[in-house]
Amino acid sequence: MQEMRMKRTIGLILYLWQLPQNLVGLLLVSIYAPEVSFPWRDVRLFYSKRMRGGISLGRYIIVSDYFQEIGKQEKHEYGHCRQSMMLGPLYLPVVGLPSLLWAAFYRPKASDPNGYFRFYTEKWADRLGGVRR
């Protein structure tokens, strides 16, 4: 009983530590209206027809329903969740905004199919999520 209370307290503190991105994550969940949702690791994973790739904010991951199985995309996004856990309120300016801008302006090259993941926010998320490219 004491252990469960301790886990809940730690969970609440972690949720509050990541509050800005958790609130934006909840907003995006309502916008992307995911079809499938389930707990995975210590986050909530959503699959949506409206999502092209993936995004994670706080403890919420939304990925395209194209994936529908735990693979590199989900693990990469989980890496971003771990960044959020570490950085707390600094996540959005240090990782979130640069990652969003990188995703918006990056142009893939046929000669470098993994080039997108060379940017510091993405390389770090891959490492934290256990993704090898």
N, C-alpha and C. Protein backbone atom coordinates (compact mmCIF):
# COMPACT_ATOMS: atom_id res chain seq x y z
N MET A 1 0.82 -1.19 0.00
CA MET A 1 0.00 0.00 0.00
C MET A 1 0.87 1.26 0.00
N GLN A 2 1.88 1.27 0.84
CA GLN A 2 2.80 2.41 0.91
C GLN A 2 3.54 2.58 -0.43
N GLU A 3 3.93 1.46 -1.05
CA GLU A 3 4.63 1.51 -2.33
C GLU A 3 3.75 2.12 -3.42
N MET A 4 2.47 1.75 -3.44
CA MET A 4 1.54 2.29 -4.42
C MET A 4 1.36 3.79 -4.22
N ARG A 5 1.26 4.21 -2.97
CA ARG A 5 1.12 5.64 -2.67
C ARG A 5 2.36 6.40 -3.12
N MET A 6 3.53 5.81 -2.91
CA MET A 6 4.78 6.43 -3.33
C MET A 6 4.83 6.56 -4.86
N LYS A 7 4.41 5.52 -5.59
CA LYS A 7 4.40 5.56 -7.05
C LYS A 7 3.46 6.65 -7.55
N ARG A 8 2.29 6.78 -6.93
CA ARG A 8 1.34 7.82 -7.33
C ARG A 8 1.91 9.21 -7.07
N THR A 9 2.56 9.38 -5.94
CA THR A 9 3.15 10.68 -5.61
C THR A 9 4.24 11.03 -6.61
N ILE A 10 5.10 10.09 -6.91
CA ILE A 10 6.16 10.33 -7.90
C ILE A 10 5.55 10.62 -9.27
N GLY A 11 4.50 9.87 -9.64
CA GLY A 11 3.81 10.11 -10.91
C GLY A 11 3.23 11.51 -10.99
N LEU A 12 2.62 11.97 -9.90
CA LEU A 12 2.04 13.32 -9.87
C LEU A 12 3.14 14.38 -9.98
N ILE A 13 4.23 14.19 -9.26
CA ILE A 13 5.34 15.16 -9.32
C ILE A 13 5.90 15.21 -10.73
N LEU A 14 6.09 14.06 -11.36
CA LEU A 14 6.61 14.00 -12.73
C LEU A 14 5.63 14.65 -13.71
N TYR A 15 4.33 14.42 -13.53
CA TYR A 15 3.33 15.03 -14.40
C TYR A 15 3.39 16.56 -14.29
N LEU A 16 3.50 17.07 -13.05
CA LEU A 16 3.58 18.51 -12.84
C LEU A 16 4.89 19.08 -13.37
N TRP A 17 6.00 18.35 -13.24
CA TRP A 17 7.30 18.75 -13.76
C TRP A 17 7.22 18.97 -15.27
N GLN A 18 6.38 18.18 -15.93
CA GLN A 18 6.22 18.25 -17.39
C GLN A 18 4.92 18.94 -17.80
N LEU A 19 4.32 19.69 -16.89
CA LEU A 19 2.97 20.21 -17.11
C LEU A 19 2.78 20.96 -18.44
N PRO A 20 3.67 21.87 -18.82
CA PRO A 20 3.41 22.58 -20.09
C PRO A 20 3.24 21.62 -21.28
N GLN A 21 4.16 20.66 -21.42
CA GLN A 21 4.05 19.74 -22.55
C GLN A 21 2.91 18.74 -22.36
N ASN A 22 2.58 18.38 -21.12
CA ASN A 22 1.43 17.51 -20.89
C ASN A 22 0.13 18.19 -21.33
N LEU A 23 -0.01 19.48 -21.06
CA LEU A 23 -1.21 20.21 -21.47
C LEU A 23 -1.30 20.31 -22.99
N VAL A 24 -0.18 20.60 -23.64
CA VAL A 24 -0.18 20.66 -25.10
C VAL A 24 -0.45 19.27 -25.68
N GLY A 25 0.10 18.24 -25.05
CA GLY A 25 -0.16 16.87 -25.49
C GLY A 25 -1.63 16.52 -25.41
N LEU A 26 -2.29 16.89 -24.33
CA LEU A 26 -3.73 16.63 -24.19
C LEU A 26 -4.52 17.39 -25.27
N LEU A 27 -4.10 18.61 -25.55
CA LEU A 27 -4.76 19.39 -26.60
C LEU A 27 -4.62 18.69 -27.96
N LEU A 28 -3.42 18.21 -28.26
CA LEU A 28 -3.20 17.52 -29.53
C LEU A 28 -3.97 16.21 -29.62
N VAL A 29 -4.11 15.52 -28.51
CA VAL A 29 -4.92 14.30 -28.51
C VAL A 29 -6.35 14.63 -28.91
N SER A 30 -6.88 15.75 -28.40
CA SER A 30 -8.25 16.13 -28.76
C SER A 30 -8.34 16.56 -30.23
N ILE A 31 -7.30 17.18 -30.76
CA ILE A 31 -7.31 17.62 -32.17
C ILE A 31 -7.17 16.44 -33.12
N TYR A 32 -6.26 15.54 -32.81
CA TYR A 32 -5.98 14.41 -33.72
C TYR A 32 -6.97 13.26 -33.57
N ALA A 33 -7.85 13.33 -32.60
CA ALA A 33 -8.91 12.33 -32.41
C ALA A 33 -8.43 10.91 -32.72
N PRO A 34 -7.52 10.38 -31.91
CA PRO A 34 -6.97 9.05 -32.19
C PRO A 34 -8.02 7.95 -32.14
N GLU A 35 -7.80 6.94 -32.97
CA GLU A 35 -8.72 5.80 -33.04
C GLU A 35 -8.35 4.73 -32.02
N VAL A 36 -7.07 4.59 -31.72
CA VAL A 36 -6.59 3.55 -30.81
C VAL A 36 -5.72 4.20 -29.75
N SER A 37 -5.88 3.76 -28.51
CA SER A 37 -5.09 4.30 -27.41
C SER A 37 -4.84 3.20 -26.39
N PHE A 38 -3.63 3.18 -25.86
CA PHE A 38 -3.35 2.23 -24.79
C PHE A 38 -2.11 2.67 -24.02
N PRO A 39 -2.00 2.24 -22.75
CA PRO A 39 -0.78 2.56 -21.99
C PRO A 39 0.38 1.74 -22.53
N TRP A 40 1.53 2.37 -22.61
CA TRP A 40 2.74 1.68 -23.07
C TRP A 40 3.90 2.26 -22.28
N ARG A 41 4.65 1.37 -21.67
CA ARG A 41 5.71 1.79 -20.74
C ARG A 41 5.08 2.71 -19.70
N ASP A 42 5.59 3.93 -19.57
CA ASP A 42 5.01 4.86 -18.58
C ASP A 42 4.34 6.04 -19.26
N VAL A 43 3.88 5.84 -20.50
CA VAL A 43 3.21 6.90 -21.27
C VAL A 43 1.89 6.36 -21.82
N ARG A 44 1.19 7.21 -22.54
CA ARG A 44 -0.04 6.82 -23.23
C ARG A 44 0.24 6.94 -24.73
N LEU A 45 0.03 5.86 -25.47
CA LEU A 45 0.31 5.81 -26.91
C LEU A 45 -1.01 5.87 -27.67
N PHE A 46 -1.07 6.76 -28.65
CA PHE A 46 -2.27 6.94 -29.47
C PHE A 46 -1.90 6.74 -30.94
N TYR A 47 -2.78 6.07 -31.67
CA TYR A 47 -2.65 5.95 -33.12
C TYR A 47 -3.79 6.75 -33.75
N SER A 48 -3.44 7.58 -34.74
CA SER A 48 -4.43 8.44 -35.37
C SER A 48 -4.29 8.41 -36.89
N LYS A 49 -5.42 8.39 -37.58
CA LYS A 49 -5.43 8.48 -39.05
C LYS A 49 -5.00 9.87 -39.50
N ARG A 50 -5.18 10.87 -38.65
CA ARG A 50 -4.90 12.25 -39.02
C ARG A 50 -3.43 12.65 -38.85
N MET A 51 -2.65 11.81 -38.18
CA MET A 51 -1.24 12.13 -37.93
C MET A 51 -0.40 11.56 -39.07
N ARG A 52 0.51 12.37 -39.60
CA ARG A 52 1.40 11.90 -40.68
C ARG A 52 2.58 11.11 -40.15
N GLY A 53 3.21 11.59 -39.13
CA GLY A 53 4.39 10.94 -38.57
C GLY A 53 4.16 10.61 -37.11
N GLY A 54 4.77 11.40 -36.25
CA GLY A 54 4.59 11.19 -34.83
C GLY A 54 4.98 12.42 -34.04
N ILE A 55 4.43 12.53 -32.85
CA ILE A 55 4.78 13.63 -31.95
C ILE A 55 4.60 13.12 -30.53
N SER A 56 5.43 13.61 -29.65
CA SER A 56 5.26 13.27 -28.24
C SER A 56 5.43 14.53 -27.42
N LEU A 57 4.55 14.68 -26.48
CA LEU A 57 4.59 15.81 -25.56
C LEU A 57 4.25 15.29 -24.18
N GLY A 58 5.19 15.44 -23.26
CA GLY A 58 4.98 14.93 -21.91
C GLY A 58 4.83 13.43 -21.94
N ARG A 59 3.73 12.96 -21.41
CA ARG A 59 3.52 11.51 -21.38
C ARG A 59 2.55 11.03 -22.44
N TYR A 60 2.40 11.82 -23.53
CA TYR A 60 1.48 11.46 -24.61
C TYR A 60 2.24 11.33 -25.93
N ILE A 61 2.05 10.21 -26.58
CA ILE A 61 2.65 9.97 -27.89
C ILE A 61 1.50 9.76 -28.88
N ILE A 62 1.54 10.49 -29.99
CA ILE A 62 0.56 10.30 -31.06
C ILE A 62 1.34 9.96 -32.32
N VAL A 63 1.02 8.83 -32.93
CA VAL A 63 1.68 8.43 -34.17
C VAL A 63 0.63 8.07 -35.20
N SER A 64 1.05 8.05 -36.44
CA SER A 64 0.17 7.67 -37.54
C SER A 64 -0.32 6.24 -37.34
N ASP A 65 -1.57 6.00 -37.68
CA ASP A 65 -2.09 4.64 -37.57
C ASP A 65 -1.48 3.72 -38.62
N TYR A 66 -0.67 4.29 -39.50
CA TYR A 66 0.06 3.50 -40.49
C TYR A 66 0.98 2.50 -39.79
N PHE A 67 1.54 2.89 -38.66
CA PHE A 67 2.50 2.04 -37.96
C PHE A 67 1.83 0.87 -37.25
N GLN A 68 0.91 1.14 -36.34
CA GLN A 68 0.11 0.14 -35.64
C GLN A 68 0.87 -1.05 -35.05
N GLU A 69 2.13 -0.90 -34.84
CA GLU A 69 2.89 -1.90 -34.08
C GLU A 69 4.08 -1.18 -33.49
N ILE A 70 4.52 -1.64 -32.35
CA ILE A 70 5.64 -0.97 -31.68
C ILE A 70 6.90 -1.19 -32.50
N GLY A 71 7.43 -0.11 -33.01
CA GLY A 71 8.62 -0.18 -33.84
C GLY A 71 9.48 1.05 -33.61
N LYS A 72 10.27 1.40 -34.61
CA LYS A 72 11.19 2.52 -34.48
C LYS A 72 10.49 3.84 -34.19
N GLN A 73 9.36 4.10 -34.85
CA GLN A 73 8.67 5.37 -34.66
C GLN A 73 8.24 5.55 -33.21
N GLU A 74 7.60 4.54 -32.64
CA GLU A 74 7.14 4.63 -31.26
C GLU A 74 8.31 4.74 -30.29
N LYS A 75 9.36 3.98 -30.53
CA LYS A 75 10.53 4.03 -29.65
C LYS A 75 11.21 5.39 -29.73
N HIS A 76 11.29 5.96 -30.94
CA HIS A 76 11.86 7.29 -31.12
C HIS A 76 11.05 8.32 -30.33
N GLU A 77 9.72 8.26 -30.48
CA GLU A 77 8.87 9.20 -29.75
C GLU A 77 8.98 9.00 -28.24
N TYR A 78 9.16 7.75 -27.82
CA TYR A 78 9.36 7.51 -26.39
C TYR A 78 10.67 8.17 -25.92
N GLY A 79 11.66 8.21 -26.79
CA GLY A 79 12.90 8.93 -26.47
C GLY A 79 12.62 10.39 -26.18
N HIS A 80 11.72 11.00 -26.97
CA HIS A 80 11.33 12.39 -26.69
C HIS A 80 10.62 12.49 -25.33
N CYS A 81 9.81 11.50 -24.99
CA CYS A 81 9.17 11.50 -23.66
C CYS A 81 10.22 11.48 -22.55
N ARG A 82 11.26 10.71 -22.76
CA ARG A 82 12.33 10.66 -21.76
C ARG A 82 13.06 11.99 -21.67
N GLN A 83 13.23 12.66 -22.81
CA GLN A 83 13.83 14.00 -22.79
C GLN A 83 12.96 14.92 -21.93
N SER A 84 11.64 14.81 -22.13
CA SER A 84 10.70 15.64 -21.37
C SER A 84 10.80 15.36 -19.87
N MET A 85 10.95 14.08 -19.51
CA MET A 85 11.08 13.74 -18.09
C MET A 85 12.34 14.35 -17.49
N MET A 86 13.40 14.39 -18.27
CA MET A 86 14.67 14.94 -17.78
C MET A 86 14.64 16.46 -17.69
N LEU A 87 14.10 17.10 -18.72
CA LEU A 87 14.20 18.55 -18.83
C LEU A 87 13.03 19.30 -18.20
N GLY A 88 11.91 18.62 -17.99
CA GLY A 88 10.76 19.28 -17.40
C GLY A 88 10.35 20.50 -18.20
N PRO A 89 10.21 21.68 -17.54
CA PRO A 89 9.74 22.87 -18.24
C PRO A 89 10.70 23.39 -19.31
N LEU A 90 11.93 22.92 -19.31
CA LEU A 90 12.89 23.34 -20.34
C LEU A 90 12.74 22.54 -21.64
N TYR A 91 11.93 21.48 -21.61
CA TYR A 91 11.79 20.61 -22.78
C TYR A 91 11.32 21.38 -24.02
N LEU A 92 10.29 22.20 -23.86
CA LEU A 92 9.73 22.88 -25.03
C LEU A 92 10.75 23.80 -25.72
N PRO A 93 11.48 24.67 -25.01
CA PRO A 93 12.45 25.50 -25.72
C PRO A 93 13.71 24.75 -26.16
N VAL A 94 14.14 23.72 -25.41
CA VAL A 94 15.40 23.04 -25.73
C VAL A 94 15.21 21.94 -26.78
N VAL A 95 14.08 21.23 -26.73
CA VAL A 95 13.85 20.10 -27.63
C VAL A 95 12.61 20.30 -28.50
N GLY A 96 11.48 20.62 -27.88
CA GLY A 96 10.20 20.68 -28.59
C GLY A 96 10.19 21.63 -29.77
N LEU A 97 10.51 22.89 -29.54
CA LEU A 97 10.48 23.89 -30.61
C LEU A 97 11.54 23.60 -31.68
N PRO A 98 12.81 23.34 -31.30
CA PRO A 98 13.79 23.01 -32.35
C PRO A 98 13.39 21.78 -33.16
N SER A 99 12.84 20.77 -32.51
CA SER A 99 12.42 19.55 -33.21
C SER A 99 11.27 19.84 -34.17
N LEU A 100 10.32 20.65 -33.73
CA LEU A 100 9.19 21.02 -34.59
C LEU A 100 9.66 21.81 -35.81
N LEU A 101 10.56 22.76 -35.59
CA LEU A 101 11.09 23.54 -36.71
C LEU A 101 11.90 22.67 -37.66
N TRP A 102 12.69 21.77 -37.11
CA TRP A 102 13.48 20.84 -37.93
C TRP A 102 12.54 20.00 -38.81
N ALA A 103 11.48 19.49 -38.21
CA ALA A 103 10.51 18.67 -38.96
C ALA A 103 9.84 19.48 -40.06
N ALA A 104 9.58 20.76 -39.79
CA ALA A 104 8.89 21.61 -40.77
C ALA A 104 9.79 21.98 -41.95
N PHE A 105 11.08 22.17 -41.71
CA PHE A 105 11.95 22.68 -42.76
C PHE A 105 12.92 21.66 -43.35
N TYR A 106 13.05 20.51 -42.75
CA TYR A 106 13.98 19.49 -43.26
C TYR A 106 13.51 18.97 -44.62
N ARG A 107 14.43 18.87 -45.55
CA ARG A 107 14.14 18.30 -46.86
C ARG A 107 14.97 17.04 -47.04
N PRO A 108 14.32 15.88 -47.15
CA PRO A 108 15.06 14.62 -47.24
C PRO A 108 15.89 14.53 -48.52
N LYS A 109 16.99 13.78 -48.41
CA LYS A 109 17.86 13.53 -49.55
C LYS A 109 17.88 12.04 -49.79
N ALA A 110 17.75 11.65 -51.03
CA ALA A 110 17.76 10.22 -51.37
C ALA A 110 19.05 9.56 -50.94
N SER A 111 20.14 10.32 -50.96
CA SER A 111 21.45 9.76 -50.60
C SER A 111 21.61 9.57 -49.08
N ASP A 112 20.70 10.14 -48.29
CA ASP A 112 20.82 10.05 -46.83
C ASP A 112 19.43 9.85 -46.22
N PRO A 113 18.88 8.63 -46.31
CA PRO A 113 17.51 8.39 -45.84
C PRO A 113 17.31 8.63 -44.33
N ASN A 114 18.37 8.60 -43.55
CA ASN A 114 18.26 8.83 -42.11
C ASN A 114 18.75 10.21 -41.70
N GLY A 115 18.92 11.10 -42.68
CA GLY A 115 19.44 12.43 -42.40
C GLY A 115 18.63 13.21 -41.38
N TYR A 116 17.33 13.03 -41.39
CA TYR A 116 16.46 13.72 -40.44
C TYR A 116 16.88 13.44 -39.01
N PHE A 117 17.35 12.23 -38.76
CA PHE A 117 17.67 11.80 -37.41
C PHE A 117 19.10 12.18 -36.99
N ARG A 118 19.77 12.98 -37.78
CA ARG A 118 21.10 13.47 -37.41
C ARG A 118 21.03 14.76 -36.59
N PHE A 119 19.89 15.43 -36.58
CA PHE A 119 19.71 16.64 -35.79
C PHE A 119 19.77 16.27 -34.30
N TYR A 120 20.33 17.14 -33.48
CA TYR A 120 20.61 16.77 -32.09
C TYR A 120 19.38 16.29 -31.32
N THR A 121 18.22 16.90 -31.52
CA THR A 121 17.03 16.47 -30.77
C THR A 121 16.61 15.06 -31.18
N GLU A 122 16.75 14.75 -32.46
CA GLU A 122 16.30 13.46 -32.99
C GLU A 122 17.31 12.35 -32.68
N LYS A 123 18.59 12.67 -32.80
CA LYS A 123 19.63 11.70 -32.47
C LYS A 123 19.55 11.31 -30.99
N TRP A 124 19.33 12.31 -30.15
CA TRP A 124 19.22 12.08 -28.72
C TRP A 124 17.98 11.24 -28.41
N ALA A 125 16.84 11.54 -29.06
CA ALA A 125 15.61 10.77 -28.84
C ALA A 125 15.80 9.32 -29.27
N ASP A 126 16.47 9.10 -30.40
CA ASP A 126 16.76 7.73 -30.83
C ASP A 126 17.55 6.98 -29.77
N ARG A 127 18.59 7.64 -29.25
CA ARG A 127 19.44 6.99 -28.26
C ARG A 127 18.64 6.64 -27.00
N LEU A 128 17.83 7.59 -26.51
CA LEU A 128 17.04 7.35 -25.31
C LEU A 128 15.94 6.31 -25.52
N GLY A 129 15.44 6.22 -26.75
CA GLY A 129 14.39 5.25 -27.05
C GLY A 129 14.89 3.89 -27.46
N GLY A 130 16.21 3.78 -27.64
CA GLY A 130 16.78 2.48 -28.03
C GLY A 130 16.66 2.18 -29.51
N VAL A 131 16.67 3.22 -30.34
CA VAL A 131 16.54 3.04 -31.79
C VAL A 131 17.91 3.07 -32.44
N ARG A 132 18.18 2.07 -33.26
CA ARG A 132 19.41 2.04 -34.06
C ARG A 132 19.06 2.29 -35.51
N ARG A 133 19.77 3.20 -36.12
CA ARG A 133 19.53 3.51 -37.55
C ARG A 133 20.76 3.20 -38.35
